[in-house]
Amino acid sequence: MNTPAKPVPNLDYTRLVTCIMYEGGAVPVLEMLQKRGINEAYFYSVRGAPIGRSSEVSGLPEIPKTEILHAVVSADQADYIYEMIYDMAELGQPNRGVVYVNRLARSTLFDLPDEATLAAT
């Protein structure tokens, strides 16, 4: 007997906070977000330099430490999280990076089953 699949909930009140940090520093920001209960965040390293900064030193290519951090937050938290990241990463300083917020068209809740449910299966 097949039971109908439960529909996937559609959350339309979420925002994606993206921070590009040219000098690194995503790990402390990620830890700060986790302490605040934001677990839907990740970062990755990329190659790149700020516009206007020379990419070569003595003929050798410079590989600056550039990291991109993404965090999915609810719409009512977006401004608060934006300000925390801006302050912690010192983005008011020149050549430190940029942070911006986008509205997500849709997202879904990531909800793991509890241990009792897993043990029963």
PDB file of N, CA and C in Angstrom:
ATOM      1  N   MET A   1       0.843  -1.180   0.000  1.00  0.00           N
ATOM      2  CA  MET A   1       0.000   0.000   0.000  1.00  0.00           C
ATOM      3  C   MET A   1       0.888   1.244   0.000  1.00  0.00           C
ATOM      4  N   ASN A   2       0.707   2.070  -0.973  1.00  0.00           N
ATOM      5  CA  ASN A   2       1.501   3.293  -1.092  1.00  0.00           C
ATOM      6  C   ASN A   2       0.811   4.432  -0.369  1.00  0.00           C
ATOM      7  N   THR A   3       1.576   5.119   0.445  1.00  0.00           N
ATOM      8  CA  THR A   3       1.046   6.313   1.098  1.00  0.00           C
ATOM      9  C   THR A   3       1.481   7.520   0.279  1.00  0.00           C
ATOM     10  N   PRO A   4       0.606   8.487   0.164  1.00  0.00           N
ATOM     11  CA  PRO A   4       0.978   9.662  -0.633  1.00  0.00           C
ATOM     12  C   PRO A   4       2.142  10.414   0.032  1.00  0.00           C
ATOM     13  N   ALA A   5       3.035  10.885  -0.788  1.00  0.00           N
ATOM     14  CA  ALA A   5       4.181  11.641  -0.277  1.00  0.00           C
ATOM     15  C   ALA A   5       3.712  12.984   0.270  1.00  0.00           C
ATOM     16  N   LYS A   6       4.323  13.373   1.390  1.00  0.00           N
ATOM     17  CA  LYS A   6       3.990  14.670   1.954  1.00  0.00           C
ATOM     18  C   LYS A   6       4.584  15.765   1.075  1.00  0.00           C
ATOM     19  N   PRO A   7       3.854  16.837   0.863  1.00  0.00           N
ATOM     20  CA  PRO A   7       4.395  17.916   0.031  1.00  0.00           C
ATOM     21  C   PRO A   7       5.580  18.590   0.735  1.00  0.00           C
ATOM     22  N   VAL A   8       6.516  19.035  -0.057  1.00  0.00           N
ATOM     23  CA  VAL A   8       7.671  19.747   0.482  1.00  0.00           C
ATOM     24  C   VAL A   8       7.238  21.176   0.799  1.00  0.00           C
ATOM     25  N   PRO A   9       7.457  21.621   2.036  1.00  0.00           N
ATOM     26  CA  PRO A   9       7.024  22.984   2.374  1.00  0.00           C
ATOM     27  C   PRO A   9       7.845  24.019   1.602  1.00  0.00           C
ATOM     28  N   ASN A  10       7.185  25.043   1.156  1.00  0.00           N
ATOM     29  CA  ASN A  10       7.831  26.125   0.411  1.00  0.00           C
ATOM     30  C   ASN A  10       7.910  27.347   1.316  1.00  0.00           C
ATOM     31  N   LEU A  11       9.127  27.738   1.651  1.00  0.00           N
ATOM     32  CA  LEU A  11       9.330  28.924   2.474  1.00  0.00           C
ATOM     33  C   LEU A  11       9.656  30.089   1.550  1.00  0.00           C
ATOM     34  N   ASP A  12       8.864  31.136   1.600  1.00  0.00           N
ATOM     35  CA  ASP A  12       9.113  32.274   0.716  1.00  0.00           C
ATOM     36  C   ASP A  12       9.512  33.528   1.485  1.00  0.00           C
ATOM     37  N   TYR A  13       9.988  33.352   2.702  1.00  0.00           N
ATOM     38  CA  TYR A  13      10.395  34.506   3.505  1.00  0.00           C
ATOM     39  C   TYR A  13      11.847  34.373   3.936  1.00  0.00           C
ATOM     40  N   THR A  14      12.696  33.844   3.065  1.00  0.00           N
ATOM     41  CA  THR A  14      14.102  33.673   3.403  1.00  0.00           C
ATOM     42  C   THR A  14      14.973  34.577   2.535  1.00  0.00           C
ATOM     43  N   ARG A  15      16.160  34.866   3.049  1.00  0.00           N
ATOM     44  CA  ARG A  15      17.125  35.708   2.354  1.00  0.00           C
ATOM     45  C   ARG A  15      18.473  34.994   2.322  1.00  0.00           C
ATOM     46  N   LEU A  16      19.246  35.263   1.291  1.00  0.00           N
ATOM     47  CA  LEU A  16      20.591  34.738   1.160  1.00  0.00           C
ATOM     48  C   LEU A  16      21.559  35.886   1.393  1.00  0.00           C
ATOM     49  N   VAL A  17      22.333  35.798   2.471  1.00  0.00           N
ATOM     50  CA  VAL A  17      23.358  36.788   2.775  1.00  0.00           C
ATOM     51  C   VAL A  17      24.665  36.255   2.199  1.00  0.00           C
ATOM     52  N   THR A  18      25.294  37.025   1.325  1.00  0.00           N
ATOM     53  CA  THR A  18      26.549  36.628   0.690  1.00  0.00           C
ATOM     54  C   THR A  18      27.625  37.631   1.056  1.00  0.00           C
ATOM     55  N   CYS A  19      28.775  37.115   1.462  1.00  0.00           N
ATOM     56  CA  CYS A  19      29.898  37.968   1.839  1.00  0.00           C
ATOM     57  C   CYS A  19      31.134  37.493   1.088  1.00  0.00           C
ATOM     58  N   ILE A  20      31.776  38.400   0.382  1.00  0.00           N
ATOM     59  CA  ILE A  20      33.041  38.120  -0.288  1.00  0.00           C
ATOM     60  C   ILE A  20      34.116  38.824   0.518  1.00  0.00           C
ATOM     61  N   MET A  21      35.013  38.035   1.080  1.00  0.00           N
ATOM     62  CA  MET A  21      36.082  38.579   1.918  1.00  0.00           C
ATOM     63  C   MET A  21      37.412  38.390   1.209  1.00  0.00           C
ATOM     64  N   TYR A  22      38.059  39.496   0.865  1.00  0.00           N
ATOM     65  CA  TYR A  22      39.308  39.427   0.130  1.00  0.00           C
ATOM     66  C   TYR A  22      40.485  39.041   1.010  1.00  0.00           C
ATOM     67  N   GLU A  23      40.408  39.244   2.268  1.00  0.00           N
ATOM     68  CA  GLU A  23      41.519  38.940   3.160  1.00  0.00           C
ATOM     69  C   GLU A  23      41.260  37.689   3.985  1.00  0.00           C
ATOM     70  N   GLY A  24      40.293  36.887   3.610  1.00  0.00           N
ATOM     71  CA  GLY A  24      39.971  35.683   4.375  1.00  0.00           C
ATOM     72  C   GLY A  24      39.129  36.037   5.589  1.00  0.00           C
ATOM     73  N   GLY A  25      39.063  35.132   6.525  1.00  0.00           N
ATOM     74  CA  GLY A  25      38.331  35.407   7.751  1.00  0.00           C
ATOM     75  C   GLY A  25      36.937  34.823   7.795  1.00  0.00           C
ATOM     76  N   ALA A  26      36.606  33.902   6.896  1.00  0.00           N
ATOM     77  CA  ALA A  26      35.259  33.335   6.879  1.00  0.00           C
ATOM     78  C   ALA A  26      35.021  32.402   8.065  1.00  0.00           C
ATOM     79  N   VAL A  27      36.054  31.732   8.552  1.00  0.00           N
ATOM     80  CA  VAL A  27      35.875  30.775   9.646  1.00  0.00           C
ATOM     81  C   VAL A  27      35.363  31.465  10.908  1.00  0.00           C
ATOM     82  N   PRO A  28      35.959  32.580  11.365  1.00  0.00           N
ATOM     83  CA  PRO A  28      35.399  33.242  12.553  1.00  0.00           C
ATOM     84  C   PRO A  28      33.969  33.736  12.343  1.00  0.00           C
ATOM     85  N   VAL A  29      33.654  34.209  11.145  1.00  0.00           N
ATOM     86  CA  VAL A  29      32.289  34.668  10.869  1.00  0.00           C
ATOM     87  C   VAL A  29      31.327  33.493  10.912  1.00  0.00           C
ATOM     88  N   LEU A  30      31.734  32.358  10.336  1.00  0.00           N
ATOM     89  CA  LEU A  30      30.900  31.159  10.349  1.00  0.00           C
ATOM     90  C   LEU A  30      30.661  30.671  11.778  1.00  0.00           C
ATOM     91  N   GLU A  31      31.700  30.703  12.610  1.00  0.00           N
ATOM     92  CA  GLU A  31      31.542  30.303  14.013  1.00  0.00           C
ATOM     93  C   GLU A  31      30.619  31.260  14.757  1.00  0.00           C
ATOM     94  N   MET A  32      30.722  32.560  14.467  1.00  0.00           N
ATOM     95  CA  MET A  32      29.836  33.539  15.093  1.00  0.00           C
ATOM     96  C   MET A  32      28.389  33.274  14.693  1.00  0.00           C
ATOM     97  N   LEU A  33      28.151  32.947  13.412  1.00  0.00           N
ATOM     98  CA  LEU A  33      26.791  32.646  12.966  1.00  0.00           C
ATOM     99  C   LEU A  33      26.252  31.397  13.652  1.00  0.00           C
ATOM    100  N   GLN A  34      27.098  30.381  13.819  1.00  0.00           N
ATOM    101  CA  GLN A  34      26.660  29.157  14.487  1.00  0.00           C
ATOM    102  C   GLN A  34      26.287  29.436  15.943  1.00  0.00           C
ATOM    103  N   LYS A  35      27.054  30.263  16.629  1.00  0.00           N
ATOM    104  CA  LYS A  35      26.726  30.618  18.010  1.00  0.00           C
ATOM    105  C   LYS A  35      25.397  31.353  18.100  1.00  0.00           C
ATOM    106  N   ARG A  36      25.026  32.048  17.029  1.00  0.00           N
ATOM    107  CA  ARG A  36      23.749  32.776  16.985  1.00  0.00           C
ATOM    108  C   ARG A  36      22.603  31.894  16.487  1.00  0.00           C
ATOM    109  N   GLY A  37      22.898  30.613  16.200  1.00  0.00           N
ATOM    110  CA  GLY A  37      21.846  29.695  15.783  1.00  0.00           C
ATOM    111  C   GLY A  37      21.621  29.628  14.277  1.00  0.00           C
ATOM    112  N   ILE A  38      22.509  30.229  13.489  1.00  0.00           N
ATOM    113  CA  ILE A  38      22.399  30.182  12.033  1.00  0.00           C
ATOM    114  C   ILE A  38      23.254  29.008  11.558  1.00  0.00           C
ATOM    115  N   ASN A  39      22.616  27.893  11.237  1.00  0.00           N
ATOM    116  CA  ASN A  39      23.330  26.696  10.819  1.00  0.00           C
ATOM    117  C   ASN A  39      23.299  26.483   9.314  1.00  0.00           C
ATOM    118  N   GLU A  40      22.539  27.273   8.600  1.00  0.00           N
ATOM    119  CA  GLU A  40      22.426  27.146   7.154  1.00  0.00           C
ATOM    120  C   GLU A  40      23.438  28.080   6.497  1.00  0.00           C
ATOM    121  N   ALA A  41      24.722  27.827   6.742  1.00  0.00           N
ATOM    122  CA  ALA A  41      25.778  28.685   6.215  1.00  0.00           C
ATOM    123  C   ALA A  41      26.972  27.831   5.807  1.00  0.00           C
ATOM    124  N   TYR A  42      27.697  28.317   4.817  1.00  0.00           N
ATOM    125  CA  TYR A  42      28.902  27.636   4.354  1.00  0.00           C
ATOM    126  C   TYR A  42      29.783  28.651   3.640  1.00  0.00           C
ATOM    127  N   PHE A  43      31.059  28.283   3.431  1.00  0.00           N
ATOM    128  CA  PHE A  43      31.948  29.139   2.658  1.00  0.00           C
ATOM    129  C   PHE A  43      32.879  28.277   1.816  1.00  0.00           C
ATOM    130  N   TYR A  44      33.485  28.907   0.841  1.00  0.00           N
ATOM    131  CA  TYR A  44      34.473  28.239  -0.001  1.00  0.00           C
ATOM    132  C   TYR A  44      35.519  29.269  -0.416  1.00  0.00           C
ATOM    133  N   SER A  45      36.708  28.772  -0.744  1.00  0.00           N
ATOM    134  CA  SER A  45      37.813  29.632  -1.170  1.00  0.00           C
ATOM    135  C   SER A  45      37.862  29.703  -2.684  1.00  0.00           C
ATOM    136  N   VAL A  46      38.206  30.878  -3.186  1.00  0.00           N
ATOM    137  CA  VAL A  46      38.331  31.097  -4.621  1.00  0.00           C
ATOM    138  C   VAL A  46      39.594  31.911  -4.885  1.00  0.00           C
ATOM    139  N   ARG A  47      39.983  31.956  -6.130  1.00  0.00           N
ATOM    140  CA  ARG A  47      41.086  32.821  -6.517  1.00  0.00           C
ATOM    141  C   ARG A  47      40.516  34.126  -7.015  1.00  0.00           C
ATOM    142  N   GLY A  48      41.153  35.196  -6.649  1.00  0.00           N
ATOM    143  CA  GLY A  48      40.683  36.481  -7.132  1.00  0.00           C
ATOM    144  C   GLY A  48      41.244  37.608  -6.301  1.00  0.00           C
ATOM    145  N   ALA A  49      41.166  38.781  -6.842  1.00  0.00           N
ATOM    146  CA  ALA A  49      41.667  39.969  -6.164  1.00  0.00           C
ATOM    147  C   ALA A  49      40.673  41.100  -6.380  1.00  0.00           C
ATOM    148  N   PRO A  50      40.664  42.059  -5.474  1.00  0.00           N
ATOM    149  CA  PRO A  50      39.780  43.216  -5.659  1.00  0.00           C
ATOM    150  C   PRO A  50      40.117  43.962  -6.943  1.00  0.00           C
ATOM    151  N   ILE A  51      39.131  44.585  -7.533  1.00  0.00           N
ATOM    152  CA  ILE A  51      39.347  45.376  -8.740  1.00  0.00           C
ATOM    153  C   ILE A  51      40.310  46.512  -8.411  1.00  0.00           C
ATOM    154  N   GLY A  52      41.295  46.693  -9.271  1.00  0.00           N
ATOM    155  CA  GLY A  52      42.253  47.770  -9.071  1.00  0.00           C
ATOM    156  C   GLY A  52      43.513  47.343  -8.338  1.00  0.00           C
ATOM    157  N   ARG A  53      43.532  46.157  -7.756  1.00  0.00           N
ATOM    158  CA  ARG A  53      44.720  45.691  -7.058  1.00  0.00           C
ATOM    159  C   ARG A  53      45.581  44.899  -8.041  1.00  0.00           C
ATOM    160  N   SER A  54      46.878  45.137  -8.036  1.00  0.00           N
ATOM    161  CA  SER A  54      47.790  44.433  -8.937  1.00  0.00           C
ATOM    162  C   SER A  54      47.770  42.944  -8.629  1.00  0.00           C
ATOM    163  N   SER A  55      47.791  42.121  -9.683  1.00  0.00           N
ATOM    164  CA  SER A  55      47.759  40.680  -9.478  1.00  0.00           C
ATOM    165  C   SER A  55      49.135  40.051  -9.604  1.00  0.00           C
ATOM    166  N   GLU A  56      50.168  40.847  -9.854  1.00  0.00           N
ATOM    167  CA  GLU A  56      51.511  40.293  -9.982  1.00  0.00           C
ATOM    168  C   GLU A  56      52.481  41.048  -9.089  1.00  0.00           C
ATOM    169  N   VAL A  57      53.394  40.295  -8.491  1.00  0.00           N
ATOM    170  CA  VAL A  57      54.462  40.862  -7.674  1.00  0.00           C
ATOM    171  C   VAL A  57      55.756  40.223  -8.153  1.00  0.00           C
ATOM    172  N   SER A  58      56.688  40.999  -8.618  1.00  0.00           N
ATOM    173  CA  SER A  58      57.980  40.518  -9.116  1.00  0.00           C
ATOM    174  C   SER A  58      57.814  39.455 -10.190  1.00  0.00           C
ATOM    175  N   GLY A  59      56.812  39.577 -11.015  1.00  0.00           N
ATOM    176  CA  GLY A  59      56.609  38.633 -12.090  1.00  0.00           C
ATOM    177  C   GLY A  59      55.911  37.349 -11.684  1.00  0.00           C
ATOM    178  N   LEU A  60      55.678  37.143 -10.395  1.00  0.00           N
ATOM    179  CA  LEU A  60      54.981  35.947  -9.930  1.00  0.00           C
ATOM    180  C   LEU A  60      53.523  36.286  -9.674  1.00  0.00           C
ATOM    181  N   PRO A  61      52.618  35.401 -10.062  1.00  0.00           N
ATOM    182  CA  PRO A  61      51.203  35.708  -9.820  1.00  0.00           C
ATOM    183  C   PRO A  61      50.882  35.675  -8.332  1.00  0.00           C
ATOM    184  N   GLU A  62      50.106  36.637  -7.916  1.00  0.00           N
ATOM    185  CA  GLU A  62      49.635  36.692  -6.528  1.00  0.00           C
ATOM    186  C   GLU A  62      48.346  35.893  -6.434  1.00  0.00           C
ATOM    187  N   ILE A  63      48.258  35.039  -5.435  1.00  0.00           N
ATOM    188  CA  ILE A  63      47.031  34.280  -5.216  1.00  0.00           C
ATOM    189  C   ILE A  63      46.464  34.743  -3.875  1.00  0.00           C
ATOM    190  N   PRO A  64      45.672  35.812  -3.893  1.00  0.00           N
ATOM    191  CA  PRO A  64      45.141  36.320  -2.625  1.00  0.00           C
ATOM    192  C   PRO A  64      44.126  35.365  -2.021  1.00  0.00           C
ATOM    193  N   LYS A  65      44.033  35.402  -0.725  1.00  0.00           N
ATOM    194  CA  LYS A  65      43.087  34.562  -0.003  1.00  0.00           C
ATOM    195  C   LYS A  65      41.710  35.215  -0.087  1.00  0.00           C
ATOM    196  N   THR A  66      40.858  34.665  -0.913  1.00  0.00           N
ATOM    197  CA  THR A  66      39.513  35.190  -1.101  1.00  0.00           C
ATOM    198  C   THR A  66      38.517  34.102  -0.745  1.00  0.00           C
ATOM    199  N   GLU A  67      37.541  34.439   0.081  1.00  0.00           N
ATOM    200  CA  GLU A  67      36.543  33.468   0.514  1.00  0.00           C
ATOM    201  C   GLU A  67      35.149  34.043   0.292  1.00  0.00           C
ATOM    202  N   ILE A  68      34.230  33.173  -0.091  1.00  0.00           N
ATOM    203  CA  ILE A  68      32.836  33.569  -0.293  1.00  0.00           C
ATOM    204  C   ILE A  68      31.990  32.798   0.701  1.00  0.00           C
ATOM    205  N   LEU A  69      31.234  33.523   1.506  1.00  0.00           N
ATOM    206  CA  LEU A  69      30.394  32.933   2.546  1.00  0.00           C
ATOM    207  C   LEU A  69      28.935  33.163   2.186  1.00  0.00           C
ATOM    208  N   HIS A  70      28.113  32.141   2.337  1.00  0.00           N
ATOM    209  CA  HIS A  70      26.666  32.235   2.111  1.00  0.00           C
ATOM    210  C   HIS A  70      25.944  31.795   3.377  1.00  0.00           C
ATOM    211  N   ALA A  71      24.887  32.496   3.722  1.00  0.00           N
ATOM    212  CA  ALA A  71      24.053  32.116   4.863  1.00  0.00           C
ATOM    213  C   ALA A  71      22.591  32.347   4.492  1.00  0.00           C
ATOM    214  N   VAL A  72      21.758  31.350   4.745  1.00  0.00           N
ATOM    215  CA  VAL A  72      20.321  31.473   4.514  1.00  0.00           C
ATOM    216  C   VAL A  72      19.679  31.832   5.850  1.00  0.00           C
ATOM    217  N   VAL A  73      18.973  32.951   5.871  1.00  0.00           N
ATOM    218  CA  VAL A  73      18.343  33.434   7.106  1.00  0.00           C
ATOM    219  C   VAL A  73      16.908  33.835   6.803  1.00  0.00           C
ATOM    220  N   SER A  74      16.110  33.946   7.855  1.00  0.00           N
ATOM    221  CA  SER A  74      14.737  34.419   7.660  1.00  0.00           C
ATOM    222  C   SER A  74      14.764  35.921   7.367  1.00  0.00           C
ATOM    223  N   ALA A  75      13.718  36.395   6.734  1.00  0.00           N
ATOM    224  CA  ALA A  75      13.674  37.792   6.307  1.00  0.00           C
ATOM    225  C   ALA A  75      13.806  38.756   7.475  1.00  0.00           C
ATOM    226  N   ASP A  76      13.228  38.410   8.627  1.00  0.00           N
ATOM    227  CA  ASP A  76      13.300  39.324   9.766  1.00  0.00           C
ATOM    228  C   ASP A  76      14.688  39.348  10.411  1.00  0.00           C
ATOM    229  N   GLN A  77      15.553  38.372  10.122  1.00  0.00           N
ATOM    230  CA  GLN A  77      16.912  38.356  10.657  1.00  0.00           C
ATOM    231  C   GLN A  77      17.931  38.950   9.699  1.00  0.00           C
ATOM    232  N   ALA A  78      17.578  39.147   8.445  1.00  0.00           N
ATOM    233  CA  ALA A  78      18.542  39.499   7.403  1.00  0.00           C
ATOM    234  C   ALA A  78      19.331  40.771   7.719  1.00  0.00           C
ATOM    235  N   ASP A  79      18.661  41.837   8.133  1.00  0.00           N
ATOM    236  CA  ASP A  79      19.361  43.090   8.423  1.00  0.00           C
ATOM    237  C   ASP A  79      20.311  42.944   9.601  1.00  0.00           C
ATOM    238  N   TYR A  80      19.869  42.242  10.625  1.00  0.00           N
ATOM    239  CA  TYR A  80      20.697  42.027  11.820  1.00  0.00           C
ATOM    240  C   TYR A  80      21.943  41.215  11.477  1.00  0.00           C
ATOM    241  N   ILE A  81      21.782  40.127  10.733  1.00  0.00           N
ATOM    242  CA  ILE A  81      22.905  39.285  10.334  1.00  0.00           C
ATOM    243  C   ILE A  81      23.842  40.063   9.415  1.00  0.00           C
ATOM    244  N   TYR A  82      23.281  40.843   8.503  1.00  0.00           N
ATOM    245  CA  TYR A  82      24.078  41.679   7.604  1.00  0.00           C
ATOM    246  C   TYR A  82      24.998  42.593   8.414  1.00  0.00           C
ATOM    247  N   GLU A  83      24.444  43.284   9.397  1.00  0.00           N
ATOM    248  CA  GLU A  83      25.233  44.209  10.217  1.00  0.00           C
ATOM    249  C   GLU A  83      26.301  43.483  11.027  1.00  0.00           C
ATOM    250  N   MET A  84      25.973  42.311  11.568  1.00  0.00           N
ATOM    251  CA  MET A  84      26.965  41.548  12.335  1.00  0.00           C
ATOM    252  C   MET A  84      28.139  41.147  11.452  1.00  0.00           C
ATOM    253  N   ILE A  85      27.861  40.645  10.254  1.00  0.00           N
ATOM    254  CA  ILE A  85      28.936  40.244   9.342  1.00  0.00           C
ATOM    255  C   ILE A  85      29.752  41.459   8.919  1.00  0.00           C
ATOM    256  N   TYR A  86      29.077  42.556   8.613  1.00  0.00           N
ATOM    257  CA  TYR A  86      29.760  43.782   8.192  1.00  0.00           C
ATOM    258  C   TYR A  86      30.738  44.257   9.260  1.00  0.00           C
ATOM    259  N   ASP A  87      30.286  44.248  10.515  1.00  0.00           N
ATOM    260  CA  ASP A  87      31.144  44.694  11.617  1.00  0.00           C
ATOM    261  C   ASP A  87      32.268  43.711  11.909  1.00  0.00           C
ATOM    262  N   MET A  88      31.954  42.428  11.977  1.00  0.00           N
ATOM    263  CA  MET A  88      32.957  41.436  12.344  1.00  0.00           C
ATOM    264  C   MET A  88      34.050  41.308  11.287  1.00  0.00           C
ATOM    265  N   ALA A  89      33.694  41.353  10.005  1.00  0.00           N
ATOM    266  CA  ALA A  89      34.671  41.229   8.925  1.00  0.00           C
ATOM    267  C   ALA A  89      35.336  42.566   8.592  1.00  0.00           C
ATOM    268  N   GLU A  90      34.967  43.621   9.301  1.00  0.00           N
ATOM    269  CA  GLU A  90      35.518  44.961   9.102  1.00  0.00           C
ATOM    270  C   GLU A  90      35.428  45.394   7.640  1.00  0.00           C
ATOM    271  N   LEU A  91      34.250  45.230   7.073  1.00  0.00           N
ATOM    272  CA  LEU A  91      34.053  45.534   5.666  1.00  0.00           C
ATOM    273  C   LEU A  91      34.005  47.029   5.379  1.00  0.00           C
ATOM    274  N   GLY A  92      34.028  47.862   6.411  1.00  0.00           N
ATOM    275  CA  GLY A  92      34.108  49.301   6.223  1.00  0.00           C
ATOM    276  C   GLY A  92      35.500  49.755   5.838  1.00  0.00           C
ATOM    277  N   GLN A  93      36.489  48.886   6.006  1.00  0.00           N
ATOM    278  CA  GLN A  93      37.871  49.189   5.630  1.00  0.00           C
ATOM    279  C   GLN A  93      38.068  48.949   4.136  1.00  0.00           C
ATOM    280  N   PRO A  94      38.960  49.695   3.493  1.00  0.00           N
ATOM    281  CA  PRO A  94      39.191  49.497   2.057  1.00  0.00           C
ATOM    282  C   PRO A  94      39.749  48.100   1.751  1.00  0.00           C
ATOM    283  N   ASN A  95      39.330  47.546   0.634  1.00  0.00           N
ATOM    284  CA  ASN A  95      39.810  46.258   0.122  1.00  0.00           C
ATOM    285  C   ASN A  95      39.598  45.086   1.084  1.00  0.00           C
ATOM    286  N   ARG A  96      38.563  45.135   1.891  1.00  0.00           N
ATOM    287  CA  ARG A  96      38.273  44.025   2.797  1.00  0.00           C
ATOM    288  C   ARG A  96      37.230  43.094   2.213  1.00  0.00           C
ATOM    289  N   GLY A  97      36.277  43.618   1.459  1.00  0.00           N
ATOM    290  CA  GLY A  97      35.251  42.764   0.884  1.00  0.00           C
ATOM    291  C   GLY A  97      33.927  43.479   0.740  1.00  0.00           C
ATOM    292  N   VAL A  98      32.893  42.661   0.513  1.00  0.00           N
ATOM    293  CA  VAL A  98      31.555  43.190   0.293  1.00  0.00           C
ATOM    294  C   VAL A  98      30.549  42.181   0.836  1.00  0.00           C
ATOM    295  N   VAL A  99      29.422  42.662   1.288  1.00  0.00           N
ATOM    296  CA  VAL A  99      28.339  41.799   1.743  1.00  0.00           C
ATOM    297  C   VAL A  99      27.042  42.330   1.145  1.00  0.00           C
ATOM    298  N   TYR A 100      26.176  41.405   0.726  1.00  0.00           N
ATOM    299  CA  TYR A 100      24.889  41.810   0.174  1.00  0.00           C
ATOM    300  C   TYR A 100      23.839  40.751   0.474  1.00  0.00           C
ATOM    301  N   VAL A 101      22.577  41.136   0.326  1.00  0.00           N
ATOM    302  CA  VAL A 101      21.448  40.272   0.666  1.00  0.00           C
ATOM    303  C   VAL A 101      20.541  40.143  -0.557  1.00  0.00           C
ATOM    304  N   ASN A 102      20.134  38.914  -0.856  1.00  0.00           N
ATOM    305  CA  ASN A 102      19.182  38.642  -1.934  1.00  0.00           C
ATOM    306  C   ASN A 102      17.960  37.942  -1.372  1.00  0.00           C
ATOM    307  N   ARG A 103      16.806  38.240  -1.938  1.00  0.00           N
ATOM    308  CA  ARG A 103      15.577  37.527  -1.589  1.00  0.00           C
ATOM    309  C   ARG A 103      15.594  36.201  -2.333  1.00  0.00           C
ATOM    310  N   LEU A 104      15.337  35.115  -1.619  1.00  0.00           N
ATOM    311  CA  LEU A 104      15.239  33.812  -2.259  1.00  0.00           C
ATOM    312  C   LEU A 104      13.821  33.606  -2.755  1.00  0.00           C
ATOM    313  N   ALA A 105      13.676  33.143  -3.981  1.00  0.00           N
ATOM    314  CA  ALA A 105      12.352  32.897  -4.541  1.00  0.00           C
ATOM    315  C   ALA A 105      11.639  31.804  -3.765  1.00  0.00           C
ATOM    316  N   ARG A 106      12.399  30.799  -3.353  1.00  0.00           N
ATOM    317  CA  ARG A 106      11.826  29.739  -2.525  1.00  0.00           C
ATOM    318  C   ARG A 106      12.959  28.984  -1.873  1.00  0.00           C
ATOM    319  N   SER A 107      12.676  28.385  -0.775  1.00  0.00           N
ATOM    320  CA  SER A 107      13.617  27.512  -0.086  1.00  0.00           C
ATOM    321  C   SER A 107      12.796  26.480   0.675  1.00  0.00           C
ATOM    322  N   THR A 108      13.458  25.440   1.130  1.00  0.00           N
ATOM    323  CA  THR A 108      12.767  24.392   1.876  1.00  0.00           C
ATOM    324  C   THR A 108      13.428  24.203   3.218  1.00  0.00           C
ATOM    325  N   LEU A 109      12.669  23.756   4.155  1.00  0.00           N
ATOM    326  CA  LEU A 109      13.151  23.514   5.501  1.00  0.00           C
ATOM    327  C   LEU A 109      13.984  22.244   5.525  1.00  0.00           C
ATOM    328  N   PHE A 110      15.170  22.323   6.118  1.00  0.00           N
ATOM    329  CA  PHE A 110      16.038  21.164   6.278  1.00  0.00           C
ATOM    330  C   PHE A 110      15.850  20.678   7.704  1.00  0.00           C
ATOM    331  N   ASP A 111      15.083  19.618   7.863  1.00  0.00           N
ATOM    332  CA  ASP A 111      14.715  19.136   9.191  1.00  0.00           C
ATOM    333  C   ASP A 111      15.078  17.659   9.299  1.00  0.00           C
ATOM    334  N   LEU A 112      16.078  17.354  10.123  1.00  0.00           N
ATOM    335  CA  LEU A 112      16.486  15.963  10.324  1.00  0.00           C
ATOM    336  C   LEU A 112      15.558  15.289  11.311  1.00  0.00           C
ATOM    337  N   PRO A 113      15.279  14.003  11.114  1.00  0.00           N
ATOM    338  CA  PRO A 113      14.435  13.285  12.080  1.00  0.00           C
ATOM    339  C   PRO A 113      15.171  13.088  13.401  1.00  0.00           C
ATOM    340  N   ASP A 114      14.424  12.963  14.476  1.00  0.00           N
ATOM    341  CA  ASP A 114      15.069  12.750  15.765  1.00  0.00           C
ATOM    342  C   ASP A 114      15.556  11.304  15.866  1.00  0.00           C
ATOM    343  N   GLU A 115      16.357  11.008  16.889  1.00  0.00           N
ATOM    344  CA  GLU A 115      16.974   9.691  17.024  1.00  0.00           C
ATOM    345  C   GLU A 115      15.943   8.590  17.228  1.00  0.00           C
ATOM    346  N   ALA A 116      14.846   8.877  17.898  1.00  0.00           N
ATOM    347  CA  ALA A 116      13.820   7.871  18.131  1.00  0.00           C
ATOM    348  C   ALA A 116      13.180   7.427  16.806  1.00  0.00           C
ATOM    349  N   THR A 117      12.940   8.378  15.930  1.00  0.00           N
ATOM    350  CA  THR A 117      12.376   8.041  14.619  1.00  0.00           C
ATOM    351  C   THR A 117      13.352   7.203  13.801  1.00  0.00           C
ATOM    352  N   LEU A 118      14.633   7.557  13.861  1.00  0.00           N
ATOM    353  CA  LEU A 118      15.648   6.797  13.130  1.00  0.00           C
ATOM    354  C   LEU A 118      15.786   5.383  13.674  1.00  0.00           C
ATOM    355  N   ALA A 119      15.704   5.222  14.982  1.00  0.00           N
ATOM    356  CA  ALA A 119      15.838   3.897  15.596  1.00  0.00           C
ATOM    357  C   ALA A 119      14.649   3.014  15.250  1.00  0.00           C
ATOM    358  N   ALA A 120      13.475   3.613  15.048  1.00  0.00           N
ATOM    359  CA  ALA A 120      12.278   2.848  14.734  1.00  0.00           C
ATOM    360  C   ALA A 120      12.291   2.306  13.312  1.00  0.00           C
ATOM    361  N   THR A 121      13.088   2.911  12.431  1.00  0.00           N
ATOM    362  CA  THR A 121      13.115   2.450  11.039  1.00  0.00           C
ATOM    363  C   THR A 121      14.132   1.426  10.769  1.00  0.00           C
TER     364      THR A 121
END
